[in-house]
Amino acid sequence: MLRWMLDVHLIWIYNNCMMNEMDKMKEEMAQDLYGRSRAVALAGEQCVKCGAFDLEWRDDISRREYAISGWCQACQDSFFTA
């Protein structure tokens, strides 16, 4: 039991460290590519790519993609249909 608890704790630590690194990488990429903070755009419900506000989503997949990329529906459409 103790070994299992230790394994679970180590996995949790690893996942949190990796997530922080991924968020840091996404933030740096957004700054480099768009000159905007991804974190600030997400907090303000703004598209990190084009700067649009009042975001609306076609479906749940698009809403989840926004949480990853920070792109509005129009930017997602232009990228994924190209």
C-alpha atoms as a PDB file:
ATOM      1  CA  MET A   1       0.000   0.000   0.000  1.00  0.00           C
ATOM      2  CA  LEU A   2       2.772   2.435   0.911  1.00  0.00           C
ATOM      3  CA  ARG A   3       4.572   1.714  -2.377  1.00  0.00           C
ATOM      4  CA  TRP A   4       1.371   2.405  -4.339  1.00  0.00           C
ATOM      5  CA  MET A   5       0.850   5.720  -2.511  1.00  0.00           C
ATOM      6  CA  LEU A   6       4.437   6.720  -3.257  1.00  0.00           C
ATOM      7  CA  ASP A   7       4.018   5.823  -6.935  1.00  0.00           C
ATOM      8  CA  VAL A   8       0.805   7.868  -7.172  1.00  0.00           C
ATOM      9  CA  HIS A   9       2.498  10.840  -5.506  1.00  0.00           C
ATOM     10  CA  LEU A  10       5.500  10.668  -7.846  1.00  0.00           C
ATOM     11  CA  ILE A  11       3.215  10.488 -10.879  1.00  0.00           C
ATOM     12  CA  TRP A  12       1.289  13.538  -9.600  1.00  0.00           C
ATOM     13  CA  ILE A  13       4.540  15.495  -9.118  1.00  0.00           C
ATOM     14  CA  TYR A  14       5.780  14.525 -12.593  1.00  0.00           C
ATOM     15  CA  ASN A  15       2.490  15.493 -14.255  1.00  0.00           C
ATOM     16  CA  ASN A  16       2.373  18.862 -12.491  1.00  0.00           C
ATOM     17  CA  CYS A  17       5.956  19.654 -13.475  1.00  0.00           C
ATOM     18  CA  MET A  18       5.299  18.690 -17.084  1.00  0.00           C
ATOM     19  CA  MET A  19       2.082  20.718 -17.189  1.00  0.00           C
ATOM     20  CA  ASN A  20       3.892  23.758 -15.883  1.00  0.00           C
ATOM     21  CA  GLU A  21       6.557  23.293 -18.549  1.00  0.00           C
ATOM     22  CA  MET A  22       3.891  22.917 -21.248  1.00  0.00           C
ATOM     23  CA  ASP A  23       2.092  26.062 -20.086  1.00  0.00           C
ATOM     24  CA  LYS A  24       5.390  27.928 -20.046  1.00  0.00           C
ATOM     25  CA  MET A  25       6.168  26.740 -23.592  1.00  0.00           C
ATOM     26  CA  LYS A  26       2.693  27.775 -24.842  1.00  0.00           C
ATOM     27  CA  GLU A  27       3.093  31.189 -23.215  1.00  0.00           C
ATOM     28  CA  GLU A  28       6.489  31.758 -24.848  1.00  0.00           C
ATOM     29  CA  MET A  29       5.187  30.632 -28.248  1.00  0.00           C
ATOM     30  CA  ALA A  30       2.197  32.996 -28.017  1.00  0.00           C
ATOM     31  CA  GLN A  31       4.477  35.910 -27.152  1.00  0.00           C
ATOM     32  CA  ASP A  32       6.842  35.083 -30.011  1.00  0.00           C
ATOM     33  CA  LEU A  33       4.155  34.430 -32.630  1.00  0.00           C
ATOM     34  CA  TYR A  34       1.418  36.906 -31.734  1.00  0.00           C
ATOM     35  CA  GLY A  35       2.946  39.391 -29.317  1.00  0.00           C
ATOM     36  CA  ARG A  36       0.252  38.546 -26.767  1.00  0.00           C
ATOM     37  CA  SER A  37       0.166  36.662 -23.500  1.00  0.00           C
ATOM     38  CA  ARG A  38      -1.783  33.416 -23.828  1.00  0.00           C
ATOM     39  CA  ALA A  39      -2.650  33.474 -20.115  1.00  0.00           C
ATOM     40  CA  VAL A  40      -3.992  37.036 -20.297  1.00  0.00           C
ATOM     41  CA  ALA A  41      -5.951  36.257 -23.476  1.00  0.00           C
ATOM     42  CA  LEU A  42      -7.564  33.195 -21.893  1.00  0.00           C
ATOM     43  CA  ALA A  43      -8.379  35.102 -18.707  1.00  0.00           C
ATOM     44  CA  GLY A  44      -9.986  37.905 -20.737  1.00  0.00           C
ATOM     45  CA  GLU A  45     -11.766  35.501 -23.094  1.00  0.00           C
ATOM     46  CA  GLN A  46      -9.829  36.892 -26.045  1.00  0.00           C
ATOM     47  CA  CYS A  47      -8.263  35.166 -29.047  1.00  0.00           C
ATOM     48  CA  VAL A  48      -4.502  35.125 -28.631  1.00  0.00           C
ATOM     49  CA  LYS A  49      -3.989  35.045 -32.411  1.00  0.00           C
ATOM     50  CA  CYS A  50      -6.301  37.778 -33.776  1.00  0.00           C
ATOM     51  CA  GLY A  51      -7.336  39.579 -30.576  1.00  0.00           C
ATOM     52  CA  ALA A  52     -11.094  39.056 -31.034  1.00  0.00           C
ATOM     53  CA  PHE A  53     -13.446  39.250 -28.036  1.00  0.00           C
ATOM     54  CA  ASP A  54     -17.041  37.942 -27.634  1.00  0.00           C
ATOM     55  CA  LEU A  55     -16.002  34.405 -28.531  1.00  0.00           C
ATOM     56  CA  GLU A  56     -18.626  31.883 -29.609  1.00  0.00           C
ATOM     57  CA  TRP A  57     -18.073  28.190 -30.257  1.00  0.00           C
ATOM     58  CA  ARG A  58     -19.575  25.839 -32.800  1.00  0.00           C
ATOM     59  CA  ASP A  59     -19.161  22.812 -30.527  1.00  0.00           C
ATOM     60  CA  ASP A  60     -17.475  21.502 -27.401  1.00  0.00           C
ATOM     61  CA  ILE A  61     -14.395  20.392 -29.358  1.00  0.00           C
ATOM     62  CA  SER A  62     -13.780  23.978 -30.468  1.00  0.00           C
ATOM     63  CA  ARG A  63     -14.215  25.209 -26.905  1.00  0.00           C
ATOM     64  CA  ARG A  64     -11.659  22.651 -25.689  1.00  0.00           C
ATOM     65  CA  GLU A  65      -9.262  23.630 -28.498  1.00  0.00           C
ATOM     66  CA  TYR A  66      -9.479  27.240 -27.278  1.00  0.00           C
ATOM     67  CA  ALA A  67      -8.253  26.085 -23.861  1.00  0.00           C
ATOM     68  CA  ILE A  68      -5.219  24.549 -25.605  1.00  0.00           C
ATOM     69  CA  SER A  69      -4.358  27.039 -28.343  1.00  0.00           C
ATOM     70  CA  GLY A  70      -6.173  30.211 -27.284  1.00  0.00           C
ATOM     71  CA  TRP A  71      -7.604  30.590 -30.809  1.00  0.00           C
ATOM     72  CA  CYS A  72     -11.140  31.784 -31.547  1.00  0.00           C
ATOM     73  CA  GLN A  73     -13.503  29.814 -33.807  1.00  0.00           C
ATOM     74  CA  ALA A  74     -12.519  31.794 -36.935  1.00  0.00           C
ATOM     75  CA  CYS A  75      -8.780  31.250 -36.350  1.00  0.00           C
ATOM     76  CA  GLN A  76      -9.353  27.564 -35.683  1.00  0.00           C
ATOM     77  CA  ASP A  77     -11.416  27.249 -38.855  1.00  0.00           C
ATOM     78  CA  SER A  78      -8.793  28.973 -40.977  1.00  0.00           C
ATOM     79  CA  PHE A  79      -6.042  26.741 -39.609  1.00  0.00           C
ATOM     80  CA  PHE A  80      -7.790  23.377 -39.572  1.00  0.00           C
ATOM     81  CA  THR A  81      -9.505  23.739 -42.964  1.00  0.00           C
ATOM     82  CA  ALA A  82      -6.390  25.001 -44.773  1.00  0.00           C
END
